[in-house]
Amino acid sequence: NRIEDETARFLFFLQPVRGEMPDVPMPEDDWPDEDSQEGDD
C-alpha cells in the first residue's frame, strides 16, 4: 500500500520540463586545481 501511495504522490507532484537540457558543468570544470595560484585566471 505504501509503494502505491508514494508512487502516486511522487508522480502527482512531478513537474515536467520542456526544452533542451542545459549544459551541466563537469566537476573538474567547477573547481580550480589545487596547484593553481589564487590569482591565476
Full PDB file with SEQRES, HELIX, SHEET, SSBOND, CRYST1, ORIGX, SCALE, CONECT and MASTER records, all heavy atoms in Angstrom:
SEQRES   1 A   41  ASN ARG ILE GLU ASP GLU THR ALA ARG PHE LEU PHE PHE          
SEQRES   2 A   41  LEU GLN PRO VAL ARG GLY GLU MET PRO ASP VAL PRO MET          
SEQRES   3 A   41  PRO GLU ASP ASP TRP PRO ASP GLU ASP SER GLN GLU GLY          
SEQRES   4 A   41  ASP ASP                                                      
HELIX    1 AA1 ARG A    2  PHE A   12  1                                  11    
HELIX    2 AA2 PRO A   27  ASP A   30  1                                   4    
CRYST1    1.000    1.000    1.000  90.00  90.00  90.00 P 1           1          
ORIGX1      1.000000  0.000000  0.000000        0.00000                         
ORIGX2      0.000000  1.000000  0.000000        0.00000                         
ORIGX3      0.000000  0.000000  1.000000        0.00000                         
SCALE1      1.000000  0.000000  0.000000        0.00000                         
SCALE2      0.000000  1.000000  0.000000        0.00000                         
SCALE3      0.000000  0.000000  1.000000        0.00000                         
ATOM      1  N   ASN A   1       0.826  -1.210   0.000  1.00  0.00           N  
ATOM      2  CA  ASN A   1       0.000   0.000   0.000  1.00  0.00           C  
ATOM      3  C   ASN A   1       0.858   1.258   0.000  1.00  0.00           C  
ATOM      4  O   ASN A   1       0.555   2.228  -0.703  1.00  0.00           O  
ATOM      5  CB  ASN A   1      -0.942   0.000   1.210  1.00  0.00           C  
ATOM      6  CG  ASN A   1      -2.007  -1.067   1.105  1.00  0.00           C  
ATOM      7  OD1 ASN A   1      -2.347  -1.510   0.013  1.00  0.00           O  
ATOM      8  ND2 ASN A   1      -2.517  -1.502   2.237  1.00  0.00           N  
ATOM      9  N   ARG A   2       1.945   1.251   0.784  1.00  0.00           N  
ATOM     10  CA  ARG A   2       2.831   2.422   0.813  1.00  0.00           C  
ATOM     11  C   ARG A   2       3.516   2.643  -0.530  1.00  0.00           C  
ATOM     12  O   ARG A   2       3.708   3.774  -0.956  1.00  0.00           O  
ATOM     13  CB  ARG A   2       3.882   2.258   1.917  1.00  0.00           C  
ATOM     14  CG  ARG A   2       3.374   2.581   3.299  1.00  0.00           C  
ATOM     15  CD  ARG A   2       4.517   2.709   4.288  1.00  0.00           C  
ATOM     16  NE  ARG A   2       5.478   1.626   4.242  1.00  0.00           N  
ATOM     17  CZ  ARG A   2       5.406   0.506   4.939  1.00  0.00           C  
ATOM     18  NH1 ARG A   2       4.396   0.298   5.768  1.00  0.00           N  
ATOM     19  NH2 ARG A   2       6.347  -0.417   4.839  1.00  0.00           N  
ATOM     20  N   ILE A   3       3.877   1.549  -1.209  1.00  0.00           N  
ATOM     21  CA  ILE A   3       4.506   1.677  -2.532  1.00  0.00           C  
ATOM     22  C   ILE A   3       3.542   2.369  -3.497  1.00  0.00           C  
ATOM     23  O   ILE A   3       3.919   3.309  -4.204  1.00  0.00           O  
ATOM     24  CB  ILE A   3       4.937   0.296  -3.077  1.00  0.00           C  
ATOM     25  CG1 ILE A   3       6.147  -0.218  -2.311  1.00  0.00           C  
ATOM     26  CG2 ILE A   3       5.259   0.373  -4.568  1.00  0.00           C  
ATOM     27  CD1 ILE A   3       6.521  -1.652  -2.639  1.00  0.00           C  
ATOM     28  N   GLU A   4       2.296   1.917  -3.509  1.00  0.00           N  
ATOM     29  CA  GLU A   4       1.309   2.525  -4.406  1.00  0.00           C  
ATOM     30  C   GLU A   4       1.066   3.984  -4.054  1.00  0.00           C  
ATOM     31  O   GLU A   4       1.037   4.851  -4.937  1.00  0.00           O  
ATOM     32  CB  GLU A   4       0.000   1.741  -4.339  1.00  0.00           C  
ATOM     33  CG  GLU A   4       0.083   0.363  -4.941  1.00  0.00           C  
ATOM     34  CD  GLU A   4      -1.184  -0.449  -4.706  1.00  0.00           C  
ATOM     35  OE1 GLU A   4      -2.159   0.094  -4.156  1.00  0.00           O  
ATOM     36  OE2 GLU A   4      -1.188  -1.628  -5.095  1.00  0.00           O  
ATOM     37  N   ASP A   5       0.912   4.281  -2.757  1.00  0.00           N  
ATOM     38  CA  ASP A   5       0.644   5.659  -2.331  1.00  0.00           C  
ATOM     39  C   ASP A   5       1.805   6.590  -2.667  1.00  0.00           C  
ATOM     40  O   ASP A   5       1.611   7.685  -3.214  1.00  0.00           O  
ATOM     41  CB  ASP A   5       0.365   5.717  -0.824  1.00  0.00           C  
ATOM     42  CG  ASP A   5      -0.940   5.036  -0.456  1.00  0.00           C  
ATOM     43  OD1 ASP A   5      -1.757   4.788  -1.374  1.00  0.00           O  
ATOM     44  OD2 ASP A   5      -1.137   4.749   0.736  1.00  0.00           O  
ATOM     45  N   GLU A   6       3.021   6.164  -2.329  1.00  0.00           N  
ATOM     46  CA  GLU A   6       4.179   7.035  -2.566  1.00  0.00           C  
ATOM     47  C   GLU A   6       4.453   7.216  -4.048  1.00  0.00           C  
ATOM     48  O   GLU A   6       4.827   8.302  -4.481  1.00  0.00           O  
ATOM     49  CB  GLU A   6       5.409   6.491  -1.850  1.00  0.00           C  
ATOM     50  CG  GLU A   6       5.359   6.705  -0.363  1.00  0.00           C  
ATOM     51  CD  GLU A   6       6.675   6.377   0.312  1.00  0.00           C  
ATOM     52  OE1 GLU A   6       7.701   6.317  -0.384  1.00  0.00           O  
ATOM     53  OE2 GLU A   6       6.661   6.199   1.534  1.00  0.00           O  
ATOM     54  N   THR A   7       4.263   6.172  -4.840  1.00  0.00           N  
ATOM     55  CA  THR A   7       4.468   6.305  -6.287  1.00  0.00           C  
ATOM     56  C   THR A   7       3.469   7.303  -6.864  1.00  0.00           C  
ATOM     57  O   THR A   7       3.837   8.187  -7.642  1.00  0.00           O  
ATOM     58  CB  THR A   7       4.323   4.941  -6.982  1.00  0.00           C  
ATOM     59  OG1 THR A   7       5.254   4.026  -6.404  1.00  0.00           O  
ATOM     60  CG2 THR A   7       4.575   5.056  -8.468  1.00  0.00           C  
ATOM     61  N   ALA A   8       2.219   7.184  -6.473  1.00  0.00           N  
ATOM     62  CA  ALA A   8       1.199   8.124  -6.960  1.00  0.00           C  
ATOM     63  C   ALA A   8       1.500   9.544  -6.492  1.00  0.00           C  
ATOM     64  O   ALA A   8       1.353  10.508  -7.255  1.00  0.00           O  
ATOM     65  CB  ALA A   8      -0.180   7.691  -6.477  1.00  0.00           C  
ATOM     66  N   ARG A   9       1.960   9.687  -5.241  1.00  0.00           N  
ATOM     67  CA  ARG A   9       2.270  11.023  -4.719  1.00  0.00           C  
ATOM     68  C   ARG A   9       3.429  11.647  -5.487  1.00  0.00           C  
ATOM     69  O   ARG A   9       3.370  12.808  -5.892  1.00  0.00           O  
ATOM     70  CB  ARG A   9       2.610  10.935  -3.228  1.00  0.00           C  
ATOM     71  CG  ARG A   9       2.848  12.282  -2.575  1.00  0.00           C  
ATOM     72  CD  ARG A   9       3.002  12.148  -1.079  1.00  0.00           C  
ATOM     73  NE  ARG A   9       4.067  11.256  -0.689  1.00  0.00           N  
ATOM     74  CZ  ARG A   9       5.325  11.635  -0.493  1.00  0.00           C  
ATOM     75  NH1 ARG A   9       5.667  12.880  -0.660  1.00  0.00           N  
ATOM     76  NH2 ARG A   9       6.234  10.760  -0.125  1.00  0.00           N  
ATOM     77  N   PHE A  10       4.492  10.868  -5.738  1.00  0.00           N  
ATOM     78  CA  PHE A  10       5.640  11.388  -6.477  1.00  0.00           C  
ATOM     79  C   PHE A  10       5.242  11.777  -7.898  1.00  0.00           C  
ATOM     80  O   PHE A  10       5.662  12.806  -8.412  1.00  0.00           O  
ATOM     81  CB  PHE A  10       6.769  10.358  -6.515  1.00  0.00           C  
ATOM     82  CG  PHE A  10       7.719  10.476  -5.367  1.00  0.00           C  
ATOM     83  CD1 PHE A  10       7.407   9.951  -4.133  1.00  0.00           C  
ATOM     84  CD2 PHE A  10       8.944  11.116  -5.520  1.00  0.00           C  
ATOM     85  CE1 PHE A  10       8.266  10.054  -3.067  1.00  0.00           C  
ATOM     86  CE2 PHE A  10       9.817  11.229  -4.465  1.00  0.00           C  
ATOM     87  CZ  PHE A  10       9.484  10.698  -3.229  1.00  0.00           C  
ATOM     88  N   LEU A  11       4.438  10.920  -8.549  1.00  0.00           N  
ATOM     89  CA  LEU A  11       4.029  11.224  -9.921  1.00  0.00           C  
ATOM     90  C   LEU A  11       3.090  12.425  -9.970  1.00  0.00           C  
ATOM     91  O   LEU A  11       3.105  13.196 -10.930  1.00  0.00           O  
ATOM     92  CB  LEU A  11       3.359  10.004 -10.556  1.00  0.00           C  
ATOM     93  CG  LEU A  11       4.308   8.860 -10.900  1.00  0.00           C  
ATOM     94  CD1 LEU A  11       3.528   7.639 -11.346  1.00  0.00           C  
ATOM     95  CD2 LEU A  11       5.299   9.283 -11.956  1.00  0.00           C  
ATOM     96  N   PHE A  12       2.276  12.592  -8.942  1.00  0.00           N  
ATOM     97  CA  PHE A  12       1.368  13.727  -8.905  1.00  0.00           C  
ATOM     98  C   PHE A  12       2.128  15.046  -8.799  1.00  0.00           C  
ATOM     99  O   PHE A  12       1.770  16.036  -9.429  1.00  0.00           O  
ATOM    100  CB  PHE A  12       0.404  13.582  -7.722  1.00  0.00           C  
ATOM    101  CG  PHE A  12      -0.597  14.697  -7.624  1.00  0.00           C  
ATOM    102  CD1 PHE A  12      -1.653  14.775  -8.517  1.00  0.00           C  
ATOM    103  CD2 PHE A  12      -0.473  15.676  -6.660  1.00  0.00           C  
ATOM    104  CE1 PHE A  12      -2.576  15.798  -8.442  1.00  0.00           C  
ATOM    105  CE2 PHE A  12      -1.389  16.708  -6.571  1.00  0.00           C  
ATOM    106  CZ  PHE A  12      -2.446  16.776  -7.461  1.00  0.00           C  
ATOM    107  N   PHE A  13       3.189  15.065  -8.013  1.00  0.00           N  
ATOM    108  CA  PHE A  13       3.961  16.288  -7.825  1.00  0.00           C  
ATOM    109  C   PHE A  13       5.072  16.465  -8.863  1.00  0.00           C  
ATOM    110  O   PHE A  13       5.821  17.435  -8.806  1.00  0.00           O  
ATOM    111  CB  PHE A  13       4.563  16.338  -6.423  1.00  0.00           C  
ATOM    112  CG  PHE A  13       3.537  16.593  -5.363  1.00  0.00           C  
ATOM    113  CD1 PHE A  13       3.259  15.627  -4.406  1.00  0.00           C  
ATOM    114  CD2 PHE A  13       2.830  17.782  -5.328  1.00  0.00           C  
ATOM    115  CE1 PHE A  13       2.310  15.859  -3.430  1.00  0.00           C  
ATOM    116  CE2 PHE A  13       1.874  18.013  -4.353  1.00  0.00           C  
ATOM    117  CZ  PHE A  13       1.612  17.056  -3.401  1.00  0.00           C  
ATOM    118  N   LEU A  14       5.184  15.542  -9.798  1.00  0.00           N  
ATOM    119  CA  LEU A  14       6.207  15.637 -10.831  1.00  0.00           C  
ATOM    120  C   LEU A  14       5.921  16.819 -11.744  1.00  0.00           C  
ATOM    121  O   LEU A  14       4.783  17.014 -12.193  1.00  0.00           O  
ATOM    122  CB  LEU A  14       6.231  14.346 -11.654  1.00  0.00           C  
ATOM    123  CG  LEU A  14       7.278  14.253 -12.741  1.00  0.00           C  
ATOM    124  CD1 LEU A  14       8.669  14.154 -12.127  1.00  0.00           C  
ATOM    125  CD2 LEU A  14       7.006  13.044 -13.609  1.00  0.00           C  
ATOM    126  N   GLN A  15       6.930  17.622 -12.005  1.00  0.00           N  
ATOM    127  CA  GLN A  15       6.769  18.769 -12.890  1.00  0.00           C  
ATOM    128  C   GLN A  15       7.691  18.591 -14.089  1.00  0.00           C  
ATOM    129  O   GLN A  15       8.903  18.795 -13.989  1.00  0.00           O  
ATOM    130  CB  GLN A  15       7.112  20.062 -12.158  1.00  0.00           C  
ATOM    131  CG  GLN A  15       6.176  20.361 -11.020  1.00  0.00           C  
ATOM    132  CD  GLN A  15       6.529  21.643 -10.306  1.00  0.00           C  
ATOM    133  OE1 GLN A  15       7.512  22.289 -10.622  1.00  0.00           O  
ATOM    134  NE2 GLN A  15       5.716  22.006  -9.342  1.00  0.00           N  
ATOM    135  N   PRO A  16       7.127  18.212 -15.234  1.00  0.00           N  
ATOM    136  CA  PRO A  16       7.970  18.011 -16.408  1.00  0.00           C  
ATOM    137  C   PRO A  16       8.533  19.334 -16.918  1.00  0.00           C  
ATOM    138  O   PRO A  16       7.907  20.381 -16.811  1.00  0.00           O  
ATOM    139  CB  PRO A  16       7.033  17.364 -17.427  1.00  0.00           C  
ATOM    140  CG  PRO A  16       5.661  17.701 -16.967  1.00  0.00           C  
ATOM    141  CD  PRO A  16       5.726  17.922 -15.496  1.00  0.00           C  
ATOM    142  N   VAL A  17       9.720  19.289 -17.489  1.00  0.00           N  
ATOM    143  CA  VAL A  17      10.375  20.466 -18.042  1.00  0.00           C  
ATOM    144  C   VAL A  17      10.479  20.253 -19.545  1.00  0.00           C  
ATOM    145  O   VAL A  17      10.890  19.192 -20.005  1.00  0.00           O  
ATOM    146  CB  VAL A  17      11.775  20.647 -17.416  1.00  0.00           C  
ATOM    147  CG1 VAL A  17      12.480  21.832 -18.024  1.00  0.00           C  
ATOM    148  CG2 VAL A  17      11.668  20.783 -15.916  1.00  0.00           C  
ATOM    149  N   ARG A  18      10.122  21.262 -20.291  1.00  0.00           N  
ATOM    150  CA  ARG A  18      10.204  21.151 -21.748  1.00  0.00           C  
ATOM    151  C   ARG A  18      11.437  21.865 -22.242  1.00  0.00           C  
ATOM    152  O   ARG A  18      11.942  22.772 -21.623  1.00  0.00           O  
ATOM    153  CB  ARG A  18       8.969  21.765 -22.384  1.00  0.00           C  
ATOM    154  CG  ARG A  18       7.747  20.981 -21.994  1.00  0.00           C  
ATOM    155  CD  ARG A  18       6.565  21.439 -22.728  1.00  0.00           C  
ATOM    156  NE  ARG A  18       5.444  20.617 -22.275  1.00  0.00           N  
ATOM    157  CZ  ARG A  18       4.330  20.504 -22.901  1.00  0.00           C  
ATOM    158  NH1 ARG A  18       4.142  21.156 -24.007  1.00  0.00           N  
ATOM    159  NH2 ARG A  18       3.379  19.745 -22.438  1.00  0.00           N  
ATOM    160  N   GLY A  19      11.883  21.476 -23.385  1.00  0.00           N  
ATOM    161  CA  GLY A  19      13.038  22.129 -23.990  1.00  0.00           C  
ATOM    162  C   GLY A  19      14.282  21.278 -23.801  1.00  0.00           C  
ATOM    163  O   GLY A  19      14.250  20.166 -23.304  1.00  0.00           O  
ATOM    164  N   GLU A  20      15.411  21.854 -24.230  1.00  0.00           N  
ATOM    165  CA  GLU A  20      16.674  21.144 -24.138  1.00  0.00           C  
ATOM    166  C   GLU A  20      17.203  21.175 -22.727  1.00  0.00           C  
ATOM    167  O   GLU A  20      16.961  22.105 -21.981  1.00  0.00           O  
ATOM    168  CB  GLU A  20      17.707  21.793 -25.053  1.00  0.00           C  
ATOM    169  CG  GLU A  20      17.576  21.386 -26.491  1.00  0.00           C  
ATOM    170  CD  GLU A  20      18.746  21.886 -27.295  1.00  0.00           C  
ATOM    171  OE1 GLU A  20      19.873  21.893 -26.766  1.00  0.00           O  
ATOM    172  OE2 GLU A  20      18.525  22.267 -28.438  1.00  0.00           O  
ATOM    173  N   MET A  21      17.960  20.149 -22.402  1.00  0.00           N  
ATOM    174  CA  MET A  21      18.628  20.116 -21.099  1.00  0.00           C  
ATOM    175  C   MET A  21      19.798  21.084 -21.160  1.00  0.00           C  
ATOM    176  O   MET A  21      20.580  21.054 -22.103  1.00  0.00           O  
ATOM    177  CB  MET A  21      19.161  18.706 -20.810  1.00  0.00           C  
ATOM    178  CG  MET A  21      18.104  17.683 -20.556  1.00  0.00           C  
ATOM    179  SD  MET A  21      17.534  17.694 -18.875  1.00  0.00           S  
ATOM    180  CE  MET A  21      19.001  17.211 -18.010  1.00  0.00           C  
ATOM    181  N   PRO A  22      19.945  21.965 -20.169  1.00  0.00           N  
ATOM    182  CA  PRO A  22      21.084  22.868 -20.176  1.00  0.00           C  
ATOM    183  C   PRO A  22      22.369  22.098 -19.902  1.00  0.00           C  
ATOM    184  O   PRO A  22      22.341  21.004 -19.344  1.00  0.00           O  
ATOM    185  CB  PRO A  22      20.780  23.854 -19.039  1.00  0.00           C  
ATOM    186  CG  PRO A  22      19.776  23.182 -18.193  1.00  0.00           C  
ATOM    187  CD  PRO A  22      19.053  22.214 -19.073  1.00  0.00           C  
ATOM    188  N   ASP A  23      23.485  22.684 -20.322  1.00  0.00           N  
ATOM    189  CA  ASP A  23      24.781  22.048 -20.100  1.00  0.00           C  
ATOM    190  C   ASP A  23      25.080  22.011 -18.609  1.00  0.00           C  
ATOM    191  O   ASP A  23      24.956  23.008 -17.912  1.00  0.00           O  
ATOM    192  CB  ASP A  23      25.900  22.818 -20.805  1.00  0.00           C  
ATOM    193  CG  ASP A  23      25.793  22.668 -22.313  1.00  0.00           C  
ATOM    194  OD1 ASP A  23      25.215  21.656 -22.754  1.00  0.00           O  
ATOM    195  OD2 ASP A  23      26.284  23.553 -23.033  1.00  0.00           O  
ATOM    196  N   VAL A  24      25.465  20.843 -18.141  1.00  0.00           N  
ATOM    197  CA  VAL A  24      25.853  20.692 -16.740  1.00  0.00           C  
ATOM    198  C   VAL A  24      27.368  20.637 -16.709  1.00  0.00           C  
ATOM    199  O   VAL A  24      27.970  19.789 -17.374  1.00  0.00           O  
ATOM    200  CB  VAL A  24      25.253  19.392 -16.143  1.00  0.00           C  
ATOM    201  CG1 VAL A  24      25.689  19.218 -14.711  1.00  0.00           C  
ATOM    202  CG2 VAL A  24      23.750  19.416 -16.261  1.00  0.00           C  
ATOM    203  N   PRO A  25      28.022  21.559 -15.972  1.00  0.00           N  
ATOM    204  CA  PRO A  25      29.485  21.542 -15.962  1.00  0.00           C  
ATOM    205  C   PRO A  25      30.005  20.299 -15.253  1.00  0.00           C  
ATOM    206  O   PRO A  25      29.384  19.808 -14.309  1.00  0.00           O  
ATOM    207  CB  PRO A  25      29.856  22.803 -15.183  1.00  0.00           C  
ATOM    208  CG  PRO A  25      28.665  23.122 -14.367  1.00  0.00           C  
ATOM    209  CD  PRO A  25      27.486  22.620 -15.141  1.00  0.00           C  
ATOM    210  N   MET A  26      31.105  19.787 -15.714  1.00  0.00           N  
ATOM    211  CA  MET A  26      31.732  18.636 -15.099  1.00  0.00           C  
ATOM    212  C   MET A  26      32.391  19.076 -13.797  1.00  0.00           C  
ATOM    213  O   MET A  26      32.802  20.227 -13.671  1.00  0.00           O  
ATOM    214  CB  MET A  26      32.784  18.043 -16.044  1.00  0.00           C  
ATOM    215  CG  MET A  26      32.190  17.503 -17.331  1.00  0.00           C  
ATOM    216  SD  MET A  26      30.925  16.261 -17.069  1.00  0.00           S  
ATOM    217  CE  MET A  26      31.928  14.931 -16.499  1.00  0.00           C  
ATOM    218  N   PRO A  27      32.516  18.196 -12.806  1.00  0.00           N  
ATOM    219  CA  PRO A  27      33.091  18.583 -11.532  1.00  0.00           C  
ATOM    220  C   PRO A  27      34.500  19.163 -11.654  1.00  0.00           C  
ATOM    221  O   PRO A  27      34.855  20.080 -10.952  1.00  0.00           O  
ATOM    222  CB  PRO A  27      33.127  17.282 -10.729  1.00  0.00           C  
ATOM    223  CG  PRO A  27      32.066  16.438 -11.341  1.00  0.00           C  
ATOM    224  CD  PRO A  27      32.001  16.842 -12.774  1.00  0.00           C  
ATOM    225  N   GLU A  28      35.308  18.639 -12.585  1.00  0.00           N  
ATOM    226  CA  GLU A  28      36.660  19.183 -12.711  1.00  0.00           C  
ATOM    227  C   GLU A  28      36.645  20.586 -13.308  1.00  0.00           C  
ATOM    228  O   GLU A  28      37.600  21.334 -13.157  1.00  0.00           O  
ATOM    229  CB  GLU A  28      37.571  18.254 -13.521  1.00  0.00           C  
ATOM    230  CG  GLU A  28      37.116  17.984 -14.939  1.00  0.00           C  
ATOM    231  CD  GLU A  28      36.235  16.759 -15.033  1.00  0.00           C  
ATOM    232  OE1 GLU A  28      35.908  16.165 -14.007  1.00  0.00           O  
ATOM    233  OE2 GLU A  28      35.867  16.390 -16.161  1.00  0.00           O  
ATOM    234  N   ASP A  29      35.550  20.972 -14.012  1.00  0.00           N  
ATOM    235  CA  ASP A  29      35.447  22.326 -14.538  1.00  0.00           C  
ATOM    236  C   ASP A  29      35.029  23.321 -13.461  1.00  0.00           C  
ATOM    237  O   ASP A  29      35.292  24.502 -13.568  1.00  0.00           O  
ATOM    238  CB  ASP A  29      34.418  22.388 -15.670  1.00  0.00           C  
ATOM    239  CG  ASP A  29      34.888  21.624 -16.895  1.00  0.00           C  
ATOM    240  OD1 ASP A  29      36.102  21.367 -16.982  1.00  0.00           O  
ATOM    241  OD2 ASP A  29      34.046  21.291 -17.730  1.00  0.00           O  
ATOM    242  N   ASP A  30      34.366  22.841 -12.402  1.00  0.00           N  
ATOM    243  CA  ASP A  30      33.855  23.733 -11.373  1.00  0.00           C  
ATOM    244  C   ASP A  30      34.941  24.288 -10.470  1.00  0.00           C  
ATOM    245  O   ASP A  30      34.865  25.413 -10.021  1.00  0.00           O  
ATOM    246  CB  ASP A  30      32.838  23.005 -10.486  1.00  0.00           C  
ATOM    247  CG  ASP A  30      31.524  22.802 -11.209  1.00  0.00           C  
ATOM    248  OD1 ASP A  30      31.367  23.373 -12.304  1.00  0.00           O  
ATOM    249  OD2 ASP A  30      30.676  22.080 -10.678  1.00  0.00           O  
ATOM    250  N   TRP A  31      35.933  23.491 -10.164  1.00  0.00           N  
ATOM    251  CA  TRP A  31      36.914  23.881  -9.158  1.00  0.00           C  
ATOM    252  C   TRP A  31      38.281  24.070  -9.811  1.00  0.00           C  
ATOM    253  O   TRP A  31      38.695  23.289 -10.648  1.00  0.00           O  
ATOM    254  CB  TRP A  31      37.041  22.803  -8.087  1.00  0.00           C  
ATOM    255  CG  TRP A  31      35.752  22.488  -7.459  1.00  0.00           C  
ATOM    256  CD1 TRP A  31      34.976  21.399  -7.711  1.00  0.00           C  
ATOM    257  CD2 TRP A  31      35.045  23.255  -6.498  1.00  0.00           C  
ATOM    258  NE1 TRP A  31      33.842  21.434  -6.960  1.00  0.00           N  
ATOM    259  CE2 TRP A  31      33.861  22.577  -6.198  1.00  0.00           C  
ATOM    260  CE3 TRP A  31      35.292  24.464  -5.851  1.00  0.00           C  
ATOM    261  CZ2 TRP A  31      32.934  23.047  -5.295  1.00  0.00           C  
ATOM    262  CZ3 TRP A  31      34.374  24.927  -4.945  1.00  0.00           C  
ATOM    263  CH2 TRP A  31      33.213  24.226  -4.678  1.00  0.00           C  
ATOM    264  N   PRO A  32      38.996  25.098  -9.370  1.00  0.00           N  
ATOM    265  CA  PRO A  32      40.365  25.232  -9.863  1.00  0.00           C  
ATOM    266  C   PRO A  32      41.226  24.142  -9.236  1.00  0.00           C  
ATOM    267  O   PRO A  32      40.907  23.609  -8.178  1.00  0.00           O  
ATOM    268  CB  PRO A  32      40.793  26.624  -9.387  1.00  0.00           C  
ATOM    269  CG  PRO A  32      39.852  26.981  -8.302  1.00  0.00           C  
ATOM    270  CD  PRO A  32      38.589  26.207  -8.537  1.00  0.00           C  
ATOM    271  N   ASP A  33      42.310  23.800  -9.922  1.00  0.00           N  
ATOM    272  CA  ASP A  33      43.206  22.778  -9.395  1.00  0.00           C  
ATOM    273  C   ASP A  33      43.830  23.253  -8.101  1.00  0.00           C  
ATOM    274  O   ASP A  33      43.976  24.441  -7.848  1.00  0.00           O  
ATOM    275  CB  ASP A  33      44.328  22.466 -10.398  1.00  0.00           C  
ATOM    276  CG  ASP A  33      43.766  21.803 -11.647  1.00  0.00           C  
ATOM    277  OD1 ASP A  33      42.668  21.215 -11.548  1.00  0.00           O  
ATOM    278  OD2 ASP A  33      44.423  21.886 -12.693  1.00  0.00           O  
ATOM    279  N   GLU A  34      44.254  22.290  -7.252  1.00  0.00           N  
ATOM    280  CA  GLU A  34      44.910  22.651  -6.008  1.00  0.00           C  
ATOM    281  C   GLU A  34      46.251  23.309  -6.288  1.00  0.00           C  
ATOM    282  O   GLU A  34      46.740  24.097  -5.498  1.00  0.00           O  
ATOM    283  CB  GLU A  34      45.122  21.396  -5.151  1.00  0.00           C  
ATOM    284  CG  GLU A  34      43.848  20.881  -4.543  1.00  0.00           C  
ATOM    285  CD  GLU A  34      44.116  19.695  -3.643  1.00  0.00           C  
ATOM    286  OE1 GLU A  34      45.171  19.675  -2.972  1.00  0.00           O  
ATOM    287  OE2 GLU A  34      43.267  18.801  -3.603  1.00  0.00           O  
ATOM    288  N   ASP A  35      46.867  22.961  -7.431  1.00  0.00           N  
ATOM    289  CA  ASP A  35      48.181  23.502  -7.751  1.00  0.00           C  
ATOM    290  C   ASP A  35      48.107  24.934  -8.270  1.00  0.00           C  
ATOM    291  O   ASP A  35      49.098  25.655  -8.237  1.00  0.00           O  
ATOM    292  CB  ASP A  35      48.869  22.636  -8.821  1.00  0.00           C  
ATOM    293  CG  ASP A  35      49.001  21.199  -8.338  1.00  0.00           C  
ATOM    294  OD1 ASP A  35      49.038  21.003  -7.101  1.00  0.00           O  
ATOM    295  OD2 ASP A  35      49.059  20.305  -9.184  1.00  0.00           O  
ATOM    296  N   SER A  36      46.928  25.354  -8.776  1.00  0.00           N  
ATOM    297  CA  SER A  36      46.848  26.679  -9.384  1.00  0.00           C  
ATOM    298  C   SER A  36      46.891  27.762  -8.329  1.00  0.00           C  
ATOM    299  O   SER A  36      46.479  27.585  -7.197  1.00  0.00           O  
ATOM    300  CB  SER A  36      45.556  26.801 -10.207  1.00  0.00           C  
ATOM    301  OG  SER A  36      44.446  26.766  -9.343  1.00  0.00           O  
ATOM    302  N   GLN A  37      47.424  28.931  -8.705  1.00  0.00           N  
ATOM    303  CA  GLN A  37      47.560  30.082  -7.798  1.00  0.00           C  
ATOM    304  C   GLN A  37      46.214  30.763  -7.673  1.00  0.00           C  
ATOM    305  O   GLN A  37      45.326  30.617  -8.482  1.00  0.00           O  
ATOM    306  CB  GLN A  37      48.569  31.091  -8.358  1.00  0.00           C  
ATOM    307  CG  GLN A  37      50.082  30.864  -8.210  1.00  0.00           C  
ATOM    308  CD  GLN A  37      50.480  29.473  -7.825  1.00  0.00           C  
ATOM    309  OE1 GLN A  37      49.694  28.814  -7.463  1.00  0.00           O  
ATOM    310  NE2 GLN A  37      51.661  29.002  -7.888  1.00  0.00           N  
ATOM    311  N   GLU A  38      46.068  31.579  -6.604  1.00  0.00           N  
ATOM    312  CA  GLU A  38      44.811  32.281  -6.328  1.00  0.00           C  
ATOM    313  C   GLU A  38      44.462  33.244  -7.459  1.00  0.00           C  
ATOM    314  O   GLU A  38      43.329  33.335  -7.877  1.00  0.00           O  
ATOM    315  CB  GLU A  38      44.950  33.043  -5.001  1.00  0.00           C  
ATOM    316  CG  GLU A  38      43.725  33.810  -4.624  1.00  0.00           C  
ATOM    317  CD  GLU A  38      43.092  33.228  -3.387  1.00  0.00           C  
ATOM    318  OE1 GLU A  38      43.638  32.301  -2.802  1.00  0.00           O  
ATOM    319  OE2 GLU A  38      42.029  33.722  -3.019  1.00  0.00           O  
ATOM    320  N   GLY A  39      45.408  33.984  -7.947  1.00  0.00           N  
ATOM    321  CA  GLY A  39      45.109  34.995  -8.949  1.00  0.00           C  
ATOM    322  C   GLY A  39      45.223  34.490 -10.369  1.00  0.00           C  
ATOM    323  O   GLY A  39      45.114  35.273 -11.306  1.00  0.00           O  
ATOM    324  N   ASP A  40      45.486  33.245 -10.567  1.00  0.00           N  
ATOM    325  CA  ASP A  40      45.679  32.697 -11.900  1.00  0.00           C  
ATOM    326  C   ASP A  40      44.334  32.463 -12.550  1.00  0.00           C  
ATOM    327  O   ASP A  40      43.563  31.632 -12.129  1.00  0.00           O  
ATOM    328  CB  ASP A  40      46.458  31.377 -11.798  1.00  0.00           C  
ATOM    329  CG  ASP A  40      46.801  30.826 -13.163  1.00  0.00           C  
ATOM    330  OD1 ASP A  40      46.773  31.600 -14.129  1.00  0.00           O  
ATOM    331  OD2 ASP A  40      47.096  29.622 -13.237  1.00  0.00           O  
ATOM    332  N   ASP A  41      44.031  33.213 -13.611  1.00  0.00           N  
ATOM    333  CA  ASP A  41      42.766  33.066 -14.323  1.00  0.00           C  
ATOM    334  C   ASP A  41      42.957  32.390 -15.673  1.00  0.00           C  
ATOM    335  O   ASP A  41      42.051  32.371 -16.485  1.00  0.00           O  
ATOM    336  CB  ASP A  41      42.111  34.447 -14.557  1.00  0.00           C  
ATOM    337  CG  ASP A  41      41.554  34.997 -13.254  1.00  0.00           C  
ATOM    338  OD1 ASP A  41      41.306  34.189 -12.342  1.00  0.00           O  
ATOM    339  OD2 ASP A  41      41.376  36.224 -13.165  1.00  0.00           O  
TER     340      ASP A  41                                                      
MASTER        0    0    0    2    0    0    0    6  339    1    0    4          
END                                                                             
